[in-house]
């Protein structure tokens, strides 16, 4: 997809200013659009974005499936209700992640993420029927960690914060459920070990035509 005039202007300004110190200047002088394209498509060190094609199997690998089985013997009415509650959450989990031919999960969709969060939290499966996590929190690698990826410099340039104020003007829907803790009011939801992943306006890679147009007089 071709860049808009505004996006082309932003790309031109970024190449000229080189705020991330990628070394554009000699490539611009040499007219090396391909070299500039390669730098723009390189991964940033640590700028995280919500992944529109998160690996469904990787997400499943972060699920604490043992916690969906109540530790208490199913002998009382309360325990039976807890078992059914856990089973309902497990059914929702597999509905979200194991549809026919599904290999990815779109973490940029608010309802997708809200449903996955609900399915992996507050499982009444401890011996006293109190709640525990299904993988959204409390693990070395949590489900939210599997829903983000590292952006390229090109994607970072056009990304917006995962908030209504930032995402709305970009035509994107914020994903408030993308949070494994208490995010301060008015701030982007945060994930432990990741920070506040942004939303991508442009999800693809930089094309050489994008660079050539940006460098044109």
C-alpha atoms as a PDB file:
ATOM      1  CA  UNK A   1       0.000   0.000   0.000  1.00  0.00           C
ATOM      2  CA  UNK A   2       1.356   3.400  -0.978  1.00  0.00           C
ATOM      3  CA  UNK A   3       2.097   5.921   1.741  1.00  0.00           C
ATOM      4  CA  UNK A   4      -0.052   9.003   2.022  1.00  0.00           C
ATOM      5  CA  UNK A   5       1.534  12.385   1.378  1.00  0.00           C
ATOM      6  CA  UNK A   6       1.624  13.008   5.135  1.00  0.00           C
ATOM      7  CA  UNK A   7       3.299   9.652   5.797  1.00  0.00           C
ATOM      8  CA  UNK A   8       5.834  10.276   3.029  1.00  0.00           C
ATOM      9  CA  UNK A   9       6.663  13.640   4.577  1.00  0.00           C
ATOM     10  CA  UNK A  10       7.111  11.984   7.976  1.00  0.00           C
ATOM     11  CA  UNK A  11       9.408   9.354   6.465  1.00  0.00           C
ATOM     12  CA  UNK A  12      11.461  12.027   4.687  1.00  0.00           C
ATOM     13  CA  UNK A  13      11.861  13.990   7.918  1.00  0.00           C
ATOM     14  CA  UNK A  14      12.860  10.833   9.800  1.00  0.00           C
ATOM     15  CA  UNK A  15      15.532   9.923   7.257  1.00  0.00           C
ATOM     16  CA  UNK A  16      16.918  13.450   7.282  1.00  0.00           C
ATOM     17  CA  UNK A  17      16.975  13.760  11.083  1.00  0.00           C
ATOM     18  CA  UNK A  18      18.029  10.148  11.751  1.00  0.00           C
ATOM     19  CA  UNK A  19      16.943  10.358  15.434  1.00  0.00           C
ATOM     20  CA  UNK A  20      17.802   6.702  16.089  1.00  0.00           C
ATOM     21  CA  UNK A  21      21.304   7.035  14.671  1.00  0.00           C
ATOM     22  CA  UNK A  22      20.879   4.415  11.956  1.00  0.00           C
ATOM     23  CA  UNK A  23      23.381   6.069   9.607  1.00  0.00           C
ATOM     24  CA  UNK A  24      21.182   7.305   6.771  1.00  0.00           C
ATOM     25  CA  UNK A  25      23.399  10.219   5.681  1.00  0.00           C
ATOM     26  CA  UNK A  26      25.993   8.327   3.575  1.00  0.00           C
ATOM     27  CA  UNK A  27      23.261   6.234   2.003  1.00  0.00           C
ATOM     28  CA  UNK A  28      21.286   9.346   1.082  1.00  0.00           C
ATOM     29  CA  UNK A  29      24.425  10.874  -0.423  1.00  0.00           C
ATOM     30  CA  UNK A  30      25.027   7.726  -2.450  1.00  0.00           C
ATOM     31  CA  UNK A  31      21.384   7.475  -3.533  1.00  0.00           C
ATOM     32  CA  UNK A  32      21.216   4.005  -1.973  1.00  0.00           C
ATOM     33  CA  UNK A  33      17.467   3.601  -1.507  1.00  0.00           C
ATOM     34  CA  UNK A  34      17.849  -0.142  -0.940  1.00  0.00           C
ATOM     35  CA  UNK A  35      20.293   0.410   1.918  1.00  0.00           C
ATOM     36  CA  UNK A  36      17.931   2.881   3.554  1.00  0.00           C
ATOM     37  CA  UNK A  37      15.052   0.443   3.101  1.00  0.00           C
ATOM     38  CA  UNK A  38      17.043  -2.297   4.850  1.00  0.00           C
ATOM     39  CA  UNK A  39      17.736  -0.071   7.844  1.00  0.00           C
ATOM     40  CA  UNK A  40      14.085   0.923   8.114  1.00  0.00           C
ATOM     41  CA  UNK A  41      13.012  -2.731   8.071  1.00  0.00           C
ATOM     42  CA  UNK A  42      15.467  -3.727  10.808  1.00  0.00           C
ATOM     43  CA  UNK A  43      14.035  -4.556  14.230  1.00  0.00           C
ATOM     44  CA  UNK A  44      14.217  -1.909  16.934  1.00  0.00           C
ATOM     45  CA  UNK A  45      15.963  -2.927  20.168  1.00  0.00           C
ATOM     46  CA  UNK A  46      12.880  -2.785  22.370  1.00  0.00           C
ATOM     47  CA  UNK A  47       9.869  -1.006  20.843  1.00  0.00           C
ATOM     48  CA  UNK A  48       6.916  -3.355  21.369  1.00  0.00           C
ATOM     49  CA  UNK A  49       3.644  -3.361  19.445  1.00  0.00           C
ATOM     50  CA  UNK A  50       0.512  -5.466  19.593  1.00  0.00           C
ATOM     51  CA  UNK A  51       0.858  -8.322  17.122  1.00  0.00           C
ATOM     52  CA  UNK A  52      -1.931  -8.732  14.535  1.00  0.00           C
ATOM     53  CA  UNK A  53      -0.644 -12.239  13.820  1.00  0.00           C
ATOM     54  CA  UNK A  54       0.558 -13.593  17.167  1.00  0.00           C
ATOM     55  CA  UNK A  55       1.515 -17.277  17.079  1.00  0.00           C
ATOM     56  CA  UNK A  56      -1.473 -19.229  18.443  1.00  0.00           C
ATOM     57  CA  UNK A  57       0.716 -22.179  19.450  1.00  0.00           C
ATOM     58  CA  UNK A  58       3.065 -19.883  21.362  1.00  0.00           C
ATOM     59  CA  UNK A  59       0.086 -18.451  23.234  1.00  0.00           C
ATOM     60  CA  UNK A  60      -1.122 -21.944  24.092  1.00  0.00           C
ATOM     61  CA  UNK A  61       2.343 -22.757  25.380  1.00  0.00           C
ATOM     62  CA  UNK A  62       1.956 -19.956  27.946  1.00  0.00           C
ATOM     63  CA  UNK A  63      -1.353 -21.334  29.247  1.00  0.00           C
ATOM     64  CA  UNK A  64      -1.226 -22.962  32.689  1.00  0.00           C
ATOM     65  CA  UNK A  65      -3.588 -25.794  31.778  1.00  0.00           C
ATOM     66  CA  UNK A  66      -3.167 -27.610  35.091  1.00  0.00           C
ATOM     67  CA  UNK A  67      -4.893 -24.680  36.797  1.00  0.00           C
ATOM     68  CA  UNK A  68      -8.089 -25.389  34.881  1.00  0.00           C
ATOM     69  CA  UNK A  69      -8.554 -28.598  36.900  1.00  0.00           C
ATOM     70  CA  UNK A  70      -9.877 -27.909  40.421  1.00  0.00           C
ATOM     71  CA  UNK A  71      -7.602 -29.238  43.151  1.00  0.00           C
ATOM     72  CA  UNK A  72     -10.559 -29.912  45.441  1.00  0.00           C
ATOM     73  CA  UNK A  73     -12.371 -33.212  45.079  1.00  0.00           C
ATOM     74  CA  UNK A  74     -15.592 -32.628  43.140  1.00  0.00           C
ATOM     75  CA  UNK A  75     -17.795 -33.761  46.001  1.00  0.00           C
ATOM     76  CA  UNK A  76     -19.577 -30.616  47.099  1.00  0.00           C
ATOM     77  CA  UNK A  77     -21.979 -28.394  45.240  1.00  0.00           C
ATOM     78  CA  UNK A  78     -19.531 -25.493  45.381  1.00  0.00           C
ATOM     79  CA  UNK A  79     -16.724 -27.619  43.956  1.00  0.00           C
ATOM     80  CA  UNK A  80     -18.947 -28.827  41.149  1.00  0.00           C
ATOM     81  CA  UNK A  81     -19.868 -25.248  40.266  1.00  0.00           C
ATOM     82  CA  UNK A  82     -16.173 -24.298  40.314  1.00  0.00           C
ATOM     83  CA  UNK A  83     -15.349 -27.189  37.988  1.00  0.00           C
ATOM     84  CA  UNK A  84     -18.032 -26.096  35.530  1.00  0.00           C
ATOM     85  CA  UNK A  85     -16.805 -22.506  35.737  1.00  0.00           C
ATOM     86  CA  UNK A  86     -13.251 -23.587  34.911  1.00  0.00           C
ATOM     87  CA  UNK A  87     -14.528 -25.750  32.074  1.00  0.00           C
ATOM     88  CA  UNK A  88     -16.470 -22.823  30.598  1.00  0.00           C
ATOM     89  CA  UNK A  89     -13.321 -20.671  30.642  1.00  0.00           C
ATOM     90  CA  UNK A  90     -11.339 -23.492  29.028  1.00  0.00           C
ATOM     91  CA  UNK A  91     -13.983 -23.803  26.295  1.00  0.00           C
ATOM     92  CA  UNK A  92     -13.741 -20.072  25.616  1.00  0.00           C
ATOM     93  CA  UNK A  93      -9.959 -20.341  25.525  1.00  0.00           C
ATOM     94  CA  UNK A  94      -9.975 -23.040  22.871  1.00  0.00           C
ATOM     95  CA  UNK A  95     -12.690 -21.210  20.915  1.00  0.00           C
ATOM     96  CA  UNK A  96     -10.303 -18.260  20.664  1.00  0.00           C
ATOM     97  CA  UNK A  97      -7.153 -20.245  19.858  1.00  0.00           C
ATOM     98  CA  UNK A  98      -8.077 -23.536  18.225  1.00  0.00           C
ATOM     99  CA  UNK A  99     -10.513 -22.816  15.447  1.00  0.00           C
ATOM    100  CA  UNK A 100     -10.098 -24.897  12.270  1.00  0.00           C
ATOM    101  CA  UNK A 101      -6.857 -24.023  10.435  1.00  0.00           C
ATOM    102  CA  UNK A 102      -6.038 -21.269  12.936  1.00  0.00           C
ATOM    103  CA  UNK A 103      -2.352 -20.506  13.336  1.00  0.00           C
ATOM    104  CA  UNK A 104      -2.448 -16.873  14.496  1.00  0.00           C
ATOM    105  CA  UNK A 105      -4.330 -14.619  16.909  1.00  0.00           C
ATOM    106  CA  UNK A 106      -5.048 -10.944  16.230  1.00  0.00           C
ATOM    107  CA  UNK A 107      -4.018  -9.061  19.377  1.00  0.00           C
ATOM    108  CA  UNK A 108      -5.054  -5.714  17.883  1.00  0.00           C
ATOM    109  CA  UNK A 109      -8.758  -6.589  18.250  1.00  0.00           C
ATOM    110  CA  UNK A 110     -10.164  -5.363  21.605  1.00  0.00           C
ATOM    111  CA  UNK A 111     -12.753  -8.142  21.953  1.00  0.00           C
ATOM    112  CA  UNK A 112     -10.224 -10.843  21.094  1.00  0.00           C
ATOM    113  CA  UNK A 113      -7.873  -9.715  23.834  1.00  0.00           C
ATOM    114  CA  UNK A 114     -10.648  -9.111  26.376  1.00  0.00           C
ATOM    115  CA  UNK A 115     -11.958 -12.623  25.769  1.00  0.00           C
ATOM    116  CA  UNK A 116      -8.523 -14.190  26.085  1.00  0.00           C
ATOM    117  CA  UNK A 117      -7.853 -12.263  29.286  1.00  0.00           C
ATOM    118  CA  UNK A 118     -11.166 -13.390  30.788  1.00  0.00           C
ATOM    119  CA  UNK A 119     -10.421 -17.009  29.846  1.00  0.00           C
ATOM    120  CA  UNK A 120      -7.019 -16.996  31.547  1.00  0.00           C
ATOM    121  CA  UNK A 121      -7.779 -15.258  34.844  1.00  0.00           C
ATOM    122  CA  UNK A 122      -9.735 -16.003  38.038  1.00  0.00           C
ATOM    123  CA  UNK A 123      -9.964 -19.774  37.887  1.00  0.00           C
ATOM    124  CA  UNK A 124     -11.567 -21.054  41.142  1.00  0.00           C
ATOM    125  CA  UNK A 125      -9.397 -24.154  41.129  1.00  0.00           C
ATOM    126  CA  UNK A 126      -7.278 -24.039  44.275  1.00  0.00           C
ATOM    127  CA  UNK A 127      -7.937 -26.550  47.044  1.00  0.00           C
ATOM    128  CA  UNK A 128     -10.078 -23.979  48.865  1.00  0.00           C
ATOM    129  CA  UNK A 129     -11.746 -22.992  45.551  1.00  0.00           C
ATOM    130  CA  UNK A 130     -10.082 -19.574  45.550  1.00  0.00           C
ATOM    131  CA  UNK A 131      -8.901 -18.127  42.255  1.00  0.00           C
ATOM    132  CA  UNK A 132      -5.650 -18.605  40.416  1.00  0.00           C
ATOM    133  CA  UNK A 133      -4.356 -17.596  37.001  1.00  0.00           C
ATOM    134  CA  UNK A 134      -4.560 -19.527  33.780  1.00  0.00           C
ATOM    135  CA  UNK A 135      -1.483 -17.798  32.416  1.00  0.00           C
ATOM    136  CA  UNK A 136      -2.388 -14.137  32.020  1.00  0.00           C
ATOM    137  CA  UNK A 137      -0.281 -13.301  35.086  1.00  0.00           C
ATOM    138  CA  UNK A 138       2.084 -15.026  37.459  1.00  0.00           C
ATOM    139  CA  UNK A 139       4.295 -16.962  35.063  1.00  0.00           C
ATOM    140  CA  UNK A 140       7.797 -16.422  33.717  1.00  0.00           C
ATOM    141  CA  UNK A 141       6.300 -16.105  30.240  1.00  0.00           C
ATOM    142  CA  UNK A 142       2.726 -14.838  30.390  1.00  0.00           C
ATOM    143  CA  UNK A 143       0.018 -14.810  27.753  1.00  0.00           C
ATOM    144  CA  UNK A 144       0.310 -11.005  27.252  1.00  0.00           C
ATOM    145  CA  UNK A 145       4.000 -11.432  26.443  1.00  0.00           C
ATOM    146  CA  UNK A 146       2.975 -13.679  23.545  1.00  0.00           C
ATOM    147  CA  UNK A 147       0.666 -10.999  22.145  1.00  0.00           C
ATOM    148  CA  UNK A 148       3.376  -8.460  21.375  1.00  0.00           C
ATOM    149  CA  UNK A 149       6.289  -8.295  18.990  1.00  0.00           C
ATOM    150  CA  UNK A 150       9.235  -5.999  18.392  1.00  0.00           C
ATOM    151  CA  UNK A 151       8.515  -3.397  15.722  1.00  0.00           C
ATOM    152  CA  UNK A 152      10.778  -2.382  12.877  1.00  0.00           C
ATOM    153  CA  UNK A 153      11.975   1.212  12.727  1.00  0.00           C
ATOM    154  CA  UNK A 154       9.499   1.794   9.898  1.00  0.00           C
ATOM    155  CA  UNK A 155       6.586   0.432  11.953  1.00  0.00           C
ATOM    156  CA  UNK A 156       7.729   2.366  15.022  1.00  0.00           C
ATOM    157  CA  UNK A 157       7.723   5.633  13.068  1.00  0.00           C
ATOM    158  CA  UNK A 158       4.000   5.359  12.395  1.00  0.00           C
ATOM    159  CA  UNK A 159       2.875   3.584  15.586  1.00  0.00           C
ATOM    160  CA  UNK A 160       0.541   5.242  18.094  1.00  0.00           C
ATOM    161  CA  UNK A 161      -0.016   4.709  21.801  1.00  0.00           C
ATOM    162  CA  UNK A 162      -2.641   2.156  22.839  1.00  0.00           C
ATOM    163  CA  UNK A 163      -4.996   4.833  24.162  1.00  0.00           C
ATOM    164  CA  UNK A 164      -8.231   6.336  22.906  1.00  0.00           C
ATOM    165  CA  UNK A 165      -6.587   9.748  22.492  1.00  0.00           C
ATOM    166  CA  UNK A 166      -3.831   8.392  20.235  1.00  0.00           C
ATOM    167  CA  UNK A 167      -5.548   5.526  18.470  1.00  0.00           C
ATOM    168  CA  UNK A 168      -8.813   7.262  17.595  1.00  0.00           C
ATOM    169  CA  UNK A 169      -7.370   9.828  15.161  1.00  0.00           C
ATOM    170  CA  UNK A 170      -5.407   7.015  13.490  1.00  0.00           C
ATOM    171  CA  UNK A 171      -8.625   5.081  12.887  1.00  0.00           C
ATOM    172  CA  UNK A 172      -7.622   2.324  15.322  1.00  0.00           C
ATOM    173  CA  UNK A 173      -9.458   0.885  18.304  1.00  0.00           C
ATOM    174  CA  UNK A 174      -7.490   0.866  21.569  1.00  0.00           C
ATOM    175  CA  UNK A 175      -7.109  -2.462  23.372  1.00  0.00           C
ATOM    176  CA  UNK A 176      -7.607  -1.641  27.069  1.00  0.00           C
ATOM    177  CA  UNK A 177      -7.554  -5.298  28.160  1.00  0.00           C
ATOM    178  CA  UNK A 178      -3.892  -5.556  27.123  1.00  0.00           C
ATOM    179  CA  UNK A 179      -2.783  -5.090  30.708  1.00  0.00           C
ATOM    180  CA  UNK A 180      -1.505  -7.582  33.270  1.00  0.00           C
ATOM    181  CA  UNK A 181      -1.485  -5.110  36.139  1.00  0.00           C
ATOM    182  CA  UNK A 182      -2.932  -1.804  37.227  1.00  0.00           C
ATOM    183  CA  UNK A 183      -2.133   0.871  34.652  1.00  0.00           C
ATOM    184  CA  UNK A 184      -2.567   4.460  35.863  1.00  0.00           C
ATOM    185  CA  UNK A 185      -5.704   6.149  34.572  1.00  0.00           C
ATOM    186  CA  UNK A 186      -5.237   7.784  31.198  1.00  0.00           C
ATOM    187  CA  UNK A 187      -2.095   5.844  30.343  1.00  0.00           C
ATOM    188  CA  UNK A 188      -1.524   3.025  27.893  1.00  0.00           C
ATOM    189  CA  UNK A 189      -2.001  -0.491  29.359  1.00  0.00           C
ATOM    190  CA  UNK A 190       1.259  -2.084  30.426  1.00  0.00           C
ATOM    191  CA  UNK A 191       2.643  -5.619  30.367  1.00  0.00           C
ATOM    192  CA  UNK A 192       5.281  -6.787  32.835  1.00  0.00           C
ATOM    193  CA  UNK A 193       8.656  -7.111  31.164  1.00  0.00           C
ATOM    194  CA  UNK A 194       7.369  -5.385  28.025  1.00  0.00           C
ATOM    195  CA  UNK A 195       6.064  -1.962  28.980  1.00  0.00           C
ATOM    196  CA  UNK A 196       3.195  -0.340  27.103  1.00  0.00           C
ATOM    197  CA  UNK A 197       2.944  -1.934  23.645  1.00  0.00           C
ATOM    198  CA  UNK A 198       1.821   0.434  20.900  1.00  0.00           C
ATOM    199  CA  UNK A 199      -0.587  -0.007  18.008  1.00  0.00           C
ATOM    200  CA  UNK A 200       0.746  -0.165  14.467  1.00  0.00           C
ATOM    201  CA  UNK A 201      -0.793   2.108  11.857  1.00  0.00           C
ATOM    202  CA  UNK A 202       1.292   0.411   9.162  1.00  0.00           C
ATOM    203  CA  UNK A 203       1.786  -3.309   9.753  1.00  0.00           C
ATOM    204  CA  UNK A 204       3.850  -4.176   6.687  1.00  0.00           C
ATOM    205  CA  UNK A 205       7.423  -3.504   5.692  1.00  0.00           C
ATOM    206  CA  UNK A 206       8.909  -0.440   4.044  1.00  0.00           C
ATOM    207  CA  UNK A 207       9.001  -0.740   0.257  1.00  0.00           C
ATOM    208  CA  UNK A 208      11.800   0.682  -1.849  1.00  0.00           C
ATOM    209  CA  UNK A 209       9.267   2.903  -3.618  1.00  0.00           C
ATOM    210  CA  UNK A 210       8.452   4.466  -0.231  1.00  0.00           C
ATOM    211  CA  UNK A 211      12.090   5.471   0.190  1.00  0.00           C
ATOM    212  CA  UNK A 212      12.467   6.677  -3.377  1.00  0.00           C
ATOM    213  CA  UNK A 213       9.377   8.863  -3.089  1.00  0.00           C
ATOM    214  CA  UNK A 214      10.551  10.269   0.251  1.00  0.00           C
ATOM    215  CA  UNK A 215      13.976  11.137  -1.184  1.00  0.00           C
ATOM    216  CA  UNK A 216      12.606  12.761  -4.336  1.00  0.00           C
ATOM    217  CA  UNK A 217      13.261  16.525  -4.543  1.00  0.00           C
END
